[in-house]
Amino acid sequence: MDCTQNKQILMESMKAGQDIVIAGVIGISDTKDLFIKNTEKIKEYYSNSFINILRKIDIHRVEQFLLDRDDLKYTAIYEIANGGIFTALWDITANFGIGIRVELLDIPVRQETIELSELFEINPYYMDSQGAYILITDNGYNTVQTLLNRGIAAIQIGKVEHGKKRIIVTSGGIGFLERPKRDNNVK
């Protein structure tokens, strides 16, 4: 899978020093699909209140708010979609031939996604994430504030760096983003 299999909306440029922002929440579309396809199994493990939360999950489409560039400044925007956040980060860095440093704990993921990924033994960072976007911007703080003011969940997760290293910072130290496995499908 290359960038063209996800929804590449705009890829003007990406350069060292820019900020990486996520608009939306990762893994939500696969979380919904897992629930729909495996409701009975999930009911065996989780409470009715948890099941009710899963029933109400909606994939928020925020694209129309992101395309208005009058007060939202970015040089690239990319729907995370197929293969999840790790695949999207791999693909966009490969597209521009540049490195990144991302804080794993800053990547927005719902607890429901974590629970189902553990139950079905799926890495949540490779779960499909329709409705979530990566934005590359010169000012992550302002971009996040603009998105939050529009009612869109947003957070800066890292920076674009010189070189080609894809660094993932975790609570246990520093690791590197691995080449995505292209078969991380929902069960």
C-alpha atoms as a PDB file:
ATOM      1  CA  MET A   1       0.000   0.000   0.000  1.00  0.00           C
ATOM      2  CA  ASP A   2       1.313   3.415  -0.865  1.00  0.00           C
ATOM      3  CA  CYS A   3      -0.098   6.845  -0.096  1.00  0.00           C
ATOM      4  CA  THR A   4      -2.646   6.567  -2.875  1.00  0.00           C
ATOM      5  CA  GLN A   5      -4.610   3.846  -1.045  1.00  0.00           C
ATOM      6  CA  ASN A   6      -5.425   6.208   1.784  1.00  0.00           C
ATOM      7  CA  LYS A   7      -7.174   9.474   1.158  1.00  0.00           C
ATOM      8  CA  GLN A   8      -4.327  11.812   0.334  1.00  0.00           C
ATOM      9  CA  ILE A   9      -6.062  15.168   0.305  1.00  0.00           C
ATOM     10  CA  LEU A  10      -3.119  17.507  -0.009  1.00  0.00           C
ATOM     11  CA  MET A  11       0.585  16.827   0.021  1.00  0.00           C
ATOM     12  CA  GLU A  12       2.319  20.106  -0.835  1.00  0.00           C
ATOM     13  CA  SER A  13       5.396  19.791   1.359  1.00  0.00           C
ATOM     14  CA  MET A  14       6.875  18.401   4.532  1.00  0.00           C
ATOM     15  CA  LYS A  15      10.124  19.694   5.997  1.00  0.00           C
ATOM     16  CA  ALA A  16      12.172  19.334   9.145  1.00  0.00           C
ATOM     17  CA  GLY A  17      10.921  21.437  12.032  1.00  0.00           C
ATOM     18  CA  GLN A  18       7.249  21.181  11.149  1.00  0.00           C
ATOM     19  CA  ASP A  19       4.718  19.802  13.613  1.00  0.00           C
ATOM     20  CA  ILE A  20       2.627  16.649  13.208  1.00  0.00           C
ATOM     21  CA  VAL A  21      -0.985  17.020  14.346  1.00  0.00           C
ATOM     22  CA  ILE A  22      -3.761  14.442  14.447  1.00  0.00           C
ATOM     23  CA  ALA A  23      -7.358  15.554  13.968  1.00  0.00           C
ATOM     24  CA  GLY A  24      -9.789  12.921  15.210  1.00  0.00           C
ATOM     25  CA  VAL A  25      -9.147   9.629  17.002  1.00  0.00           C
ATOM     26  CA  ILE A  26      -7.289   6.603  15.650  1.00  0.00           C
ATOM     27  CA  GLY A  27      -8.770   3.134  15.243  1.00  0.00           C
ATOM     28  CA  ILE A  28     -12.372   4.202  15.594  1.00  0.00           C
ATOM     29  CA  SER A  29     -13.633   2.735  12.304  1.00  0.00           C
ATOM     30  CA  ASP A  30     -12.134  -0.695  13.059  1.00  0.00           C
ATOM     31  CA  THR A  31     -13.502  -0.484  16.611  1.00  0.00           C
ATOM     32  CA  LYS A  32     -16.988  -0.009  15.183  1.00  0.00           C
ATOM     33  CA  ASP A  33     -16.457  -2.834  12.650  1.00  0.00           C
ATOM     34  CA  LEU A  34     -15.189  -5.206  15.359  1.00  0.00           C
ATOM     35  CA  PHE A  35     -18.265  -4.485  17.437  1.00  0.00           C
ATOM     36  CA  ILE A  36     -20.664  -5.016  14.537  1.00  0.00           C
ATOM     37  CA  LYS A  37     -19.002  -8.287  13.433  1.00  0.00           C
ATOM     38  CA  ASN A  38     -18.398  -9.715  16.916  1.00  0.00           C
ATOM     39  CA  THR A  39     -21.138  -8.373  19.174  1.00  0.00           C
ATOM     40  CA  GLU A  40     -21.946 -11.720  20.802  1.00  0.00           C
ATOM     41  CA  LYS A  41     -18.307 -12.489  21.651  1.00  0.00           C
ATOM     42  CA  ILE A  42     -17.786  -8.975  23.020  1.00  0.00           C
ATOM     43  CA  LYS A  43     -20.891  -9.370  25.231  1.00  0.00           C
ATOM     44  CA  GLU A  44     -19.216 -12.393  26.859  1.00  0.00           C
ATOM     45  CA  TYR A  45     -16.348 -10.216  28.124  1.00  0.00           C
ATOM     46  CA  TYR A  46     -17.740  -6.746  28.772  1.00  0.00           C
ATOM     47  CA  SER A  47     -20.485  -5.052  30.773  1.00  0.00           C
ATOM     48  CA  ASN A  48     -23.731  -3.696  29.353  1.00  0.00           C
ATOM     49  CA  SER A  49     -22.512  -0.138  29.898  1.00  0.00           C
ATOM     50  CA  PHE A  50     -19.407  -0.839  27.804  1.00  0.00           C
ATOM     51  CA  ILE A  51     -21.594  -2.442  25.091  1.00  0.00           C
ATOM     52  CA  ASN A  52     -23.811   0.663  25.064  1.00  0.00           C
ATOM     53  CA  ILE A  53     -20.765   2.879  24.560  1.00  0.00           C
ATOM     54  CA  LEU A  54     -19.700   0.708  21.610  1.00  0.00           C
ATOM     55  CA  ARG A  55     -23.205   0.930  20.099  1.00  0.00           C
ATOM     56  CA  LYS A  56     -22.995   4.736  20.138  1.00  0.00           C
ATOM     57  CA  ILE A  57     -19.590   5.028  18.475  1.00  0.00           C
ATOM     58  CA  ASP A  58     -19.821   7.220  15.423  1.00  0.00           C
ATOM     59  CA  ILE A  59     -17.135   7.911  12.873  1.00  0.00           C
ATOM     60  CA  HIS A  60     -16.990  11.687  12.778  1.00  0.00           C
ATOM     61  CA  ARG A  61     -16.186  12.981   9.332  1.00  0.00           C
ATOM     62  CA  VAL A  62     -14.235  16.186   9.829  1.00  0.00           C
ATOM     63  CA  GLU A  63     -12.930  16.634   6.306  1.00  0.00           C
ATOM     64  CA  GLN A  64     -15.132  19.631   5.493  1.00  0.00           C
ATOM     65  CA  PHE A  65     -13.732  21.522   8.499  1.00  0.00           C
ATOM     66  CA  LEU A  66     -10.167  20.646   7.587  1.00  0.00           C
ATOM     67  CA  LEU A  67     -10.340  21.782   3.982  1.00  0.00           C
ATOM     68  CA  ASP A  68     -11.164  25.385   4.962  1.00  0.00           C
ATOM     69  CA  ARG A  69      -7.656  26.787   4.897  1.00  0.00           C
ATOM     70  CA  ASP A  70      -8.518  30.411   5.648  1.00  0.00           C
ATOM     71  CA  ASP A  71      -7.556  30.059   9.304  1.00  0.00           C
ATOM     72  CA  LEU A  72      -6.106  26.539   9.270  1.00  0.00           C
ATOM     73  CA  LYS A  73      -2.561  26.515   7.948  1.00  0.00           C
ATOM     74  CA  TYR A  74      -0.985  23.209   6.898  1.00  0.00           C
ATOM     75  CA  THR A  75       1.243  21.973   4.093  1.00  0.00           C
ATOM     76  CA  ALA A  76      -0.011  18.384   4.045  1.00  0.00           C
ATOM     77  CA  ILE A  77      -3.170  16.588   5.139  1.00  0.00           C
ATOM     78  CA  TYR A  78      -3.691  12.871   4.918  1.00  0.00           C
ATOM     79  CA  GLU A  79      -6.596  10.669   6.013  1.00  0.00           C
ATOM     80  CA  ILE A  80      -5.182   7.940   8.231  1.00  0.00           C
ATOM     81  CA  ALA A  81      -7.765   5.343   7.057  1.00  0.00           C
ATOM     82  CA  ASN A  82      -6.446   1.959   5.867  1.00  0.00           C
ATOM     83  CA  GLY A  83      -3.686   0.400   7.947  1.00  0.00           C
ATOM     84  CA  GLY A  84      -3.885   2.880  10.797  1.00  0.00           C
ATOM     85  CA  ILE A  85      -1.624   5.620  12.110  1.00  0.00           C
ATOM     86  CA  PHE A  86       1.646   3.679  11.833  1.00  0.00           C
ATOM     87  CA  THR A  87       1.010   2.861   8.166  1.00  0.00           C
ATOM     88  CA  ALA A  88       0.023   6.465   7.439  1.00  0.00           C
ATOM     89  CA  LEU A  89       3.150   7.828   9.133  1.00  0.00           C
ATOM     90  CA  TRP A  90       5.320   5.355   7.228  1.00  0.00           C
ATOM     91  CA  ASP A  91       3.703   6.215   3.911  1.00  0.00           C
ATOM     92  CA  ILE A  92       3.889   9.989   4.202  1.00  0.00           C
ATOM     93  CA  THR A  93       7.503   9.958   5.387  1.00  0.00           C
ATOM     94  CA  ALA A  94       8.398   7.638   2.495  1.00  0.00           C
ATOM     95  CA  ASN A  95       6.599   9.996   0.124  1.00  0.00           C
ATOM     96  CA  PHE A  96       8.748  12.954   1.218  1.00  0.00           C
ATOM     97  CA  GLY A  97      11.921  11.043   2.153  1.00  0.00           C
ATOM     98  CA  ILE A  98      12.091  12.650   5.587  1.00  0.00           C
ATOM     99  CA  GLY A  99      12.122  11.518   9.213  1.00  0.00           C
ATOM    100  CA  ILE A 100       9.805  12.005  12.161  1.00  0.00           C
ATOM    101  CA  ARG A 101       9.810  11.892  15.957  1.00  0.00           C
ATOM    102  CA  VAL A 102       6.433  10.922  17.416  1.00  0.00           C
ATOM    103  CA  GLU A 103       5.351  10.598  21.057  1.00  0.00           C
ATOM    104  CA  LEU A 104       3.404   7.322  21.223  1.00  0.00           C
ATOM    105  CA  LEU A 105       1.426   8.330  24.311  1.00  0.00           C
ATOM    106  CA  ASP A 106       0.186  11.485  22.564  1.00  0.00           C
ATOM    107  CA  ILE A 107      -1.541   9.531  19.787  1.00  0.00           C
ATOM    108  CA  PRO A 108      -5.280   9.810  20.531  1.00  0.00           C
ATOM    109  CA  VAL A 109      -6.940   6.418  20.995  1.00  0.00           C
ATOM    110  CA  ARG A 110     -10.153   5.635  22.865  1.00  0.00           C
ATOM    111  CA  GLN A 111     -10.201   3.113  25.704  1.00  0.00           C
ATOM    112  CA  GLU A 112     -12.835   1.104  23.806  1.00  0.00           C
ATOM    113  CA  THR A 113     -10.367   0.693  20.941  1.00  0.00           C
ATOM    114  CA  ILE A 114      -7.668  -0.493  23.352  1.00  0.00           C
ATOM    115  CA  GLU A 115     -10.037  -3.008  24.953  1.00  0.00           C
ATOM    116  CA  LEU A 116     -11.152  -4.529  21.648  1.00  0.00           C
ATOM    117  CA  SER A 117      -7.632  -4.548  20.211  1.00  0.00           C
ATOM    118  CA  GLU A 118      -6.523  -6.580  23.239  1.00  0.00           C
ATOM    119  CA  LEU A 119      -9.495  -8.964  23.000  1.00  0.00           C
ATOM    120  CA  PHE A 120      -8.875  -9.624  19.293  1.00  0.00           C
ATOM    121  CA  GLU A 121      -5.064  -9.354  19.490  1.00  0.00           C
ATOM    122  CA  ILE A 122      -4.792  -6.456  17.055  1.00  0.00           C
ATOM    123  CA  ASN A 123      -2.281  -3.619  17.335  1.00  0.00           C
ATOM    124  CA  PRO A 124      -4.449  -0.481  17.735  1.00  0.00           C
ATOM    125  CA  TYR A 125      -1.884   1.610  15.884  1.00  0.00           C
ATOM    126  CA  TYR A 126      -2.532  -0.435  12.732  1.00  0.00           C
ATOM    127  CA  MET A 127      -6.331  -0.297  13.025  1.00  0.00           C
ATOM    128  CA  ASP A 128      -8.222   1.490  10.250  1.00  0.00           C
ATOM    129  CA  SER A 129      -8.961   5.069  11.217  1.00  0.00           C
ATOM    130  CA  GLN A 130     -11.405   6.574   8.731  1.00  0.00           C
ATOM    131  CA  GLY A 131     -12.299  10.065   9.862  1.00  0.00           C
ATOM    132  CA  ALA A 132      -8.900  10.778  11.457  1.00  0.00           C
ATOM    133  CA  TYR A 133      -6.276  12.891   9.701  1.00  0.00           C
ATOM    134  CA  ILE A 134      -2.607  13.765   9.935  1.00  0.00           C
ATOM    135  CA  LEU A 135      -1.818  17.427   9.348  1.00  0.00           C
ATOM    136  CA  ILE A 136       1.708  18.744   8.786  1.00  0.00           C
ATOM    137  CA  THR A 137       1.936  22.338   9.910  1.00  0.00           C
ATOM    138  CA  ASP A 138       4.424  25.037  10.844  1.00  0.00           C
ATOM    139  CA  ASN A 139       2.580  25.811  14.083  1.00  0.00           C
ATOM    140  CA  GLY A 140       1.058  22.770  15.773  1.00  0.00           C
ATOM    141  CA  TYR A 141      -0.239  24.733  18.745  1.00  0.00           C
ATOM    142  CA  ASN A 142      -2.271  27.142  16.599  1.00  0.00           C
ATOM    143  CA  THR A 143      -3.541  24.293  14.405  1.00  0.00           C
ATOM    144  CA  VAL A 144      -4.681  22.307  17.439  1.00  0.00           C
ATOM    145  CA  GLN A 145      -6.401  25.358  18.955  1.00  0.00           C
ATOM    146  CA  THR A 146      -8.213  26.128  15.682  1.00  0.00           C
ATOM    147  CA  LEU A 147      -9.426  22.522  15.414  1.00  0.00           C
ATOM    148  CA  LEU A 148     -10.523  22.404  19.051  1.00  0.00           C
ATOM    149  CA  ASN A 149     -12.460  25.648  18.530  1.00  0.00           C
ATOM    150  CA  ARG A 150     -14.251  23.903  15.639  1.00  0.00           C
ATOM    151  CA  GLY A 151     -15.193  21.018  17.928  1.00  0.00           C
ATOM    152  CA  ILE A 152     -12.647  18.613  16.418  1.00  0.00           C
ATOM    153  CA  ALA A 153     -10.457  16.513  18.710  1.00  0.00           C
ATOM    154  CA  ALA A 154      -6.827  17.373  17.936  1.00  0.00           C
ATOM    155  CA  ILE A 155      -3.359  16.976  19.401  1.00  0.00           C
ATOM    156  CA  GLN A 156       0.224  17.520  18.326  1.00  0.00           C
ATOM    157  CA  ILE A 157       1.985  14.140  18.364  1.00  0.00           C
ATOM    158  CA  GLY A 158       5.451  15.002  17.105  1.00  0.00           C
ATOM    159  CA  LYS A 159       7.809  16.745  14.705  1.00  0.00           C
ATOM    160  CA  VAL A 160       9.235  16.272  11.256  1.00  0.00           C
ATOM    161  CA  GLU A 161      13.015  15.749  11.422  1.00  0.00           C
ATOM    162  CA  HIS A 162      16.048  15.756   9.147  1.00  0.00           C
ATOM    163  CA  GLY A 163      17.148  12.375   7.871  1.00  0.00           C
ATOM    164  CA  LYS A 164      14.969   9.341   7.332  1.00  0.00           C
ATOM    165  CA  LYS A 165      14.620   7.927  10.841  1.00  0.00           C
ATOM    166  CA  ARG A 166      11.072   7.260  11.979  1.00  0.00           C
ATOM    167  CA  ILE A 167      11.471   7.608  15.740  1.00  0.00           C
ATOM    168  CA  ILE A 168       8.744   6.569  18.178  1.00  0.00           C
ATOM    169  CA  VAL A 169       9.217   7.800  21.751  1.00  0.00           C
ATOM    170  CA  THR A 170       7.589   5.611  24.408  1.00  0.00           C
ATOM    171  CA  SER A 171       7.575   5.634  28.187  1.00  0.00           C
ATOM    172  CA  GLY A 172      10.291   2.964  27.993  1.00  0.00           C
ATOM    173  CA  GLY A 173      12.588   4.877  25.668  1.00  0.00           C
ATOM    174  CA  ILE A 174      13.068   5.351  21.955  1.00  0.00           C
ATOM    175  CA  GLY A 175      12.190   2.898  19.207  1.00  0.00           C
ATOM    176  CA  PHE A 176      11.706   3.038  15.485  1.00  0.00           C
ATOM    177  CA  LEU A 177       8.606   2.717  13.372  1.00  0.00           C
ATOM    178  CA  GLU A 178       8.677  -0.623  11.584  1.00  0.00           C
ATOM    179  CA  ARG A 179       7.657  -1.150   7.978  1.00  0.00           C
ATOM    180  CA  PRO A 180       3.903  -1.809   8.129  1.00  0.00           C
ATOM    181  CA  LYS A 181       2.530  -5.283   7.685  1.00  0.00           C
ATOM    182  CA  ARG A 182      -0.182  -4.907   5.080  1.00  0.00           C
ATOM    183  CA  ASP A 183      -2.434  -7.641   6.500  1.00  0.00           C
ATOM    184  CA  ASN A 184      -3.657  -6.088   9.759  1.00  0.00           C
ATOM    185  CA  ASN A 185      -7.327  -6.613   8.992  1.00  0.00           C
ATOM    186  CA  VAL A 186     -10.152  -6.630  11.502  1.00  0.00           C
ATOM    187  CA  LYS A 187     -11.229 -10.132  12.480  1.00  0.00           C
END
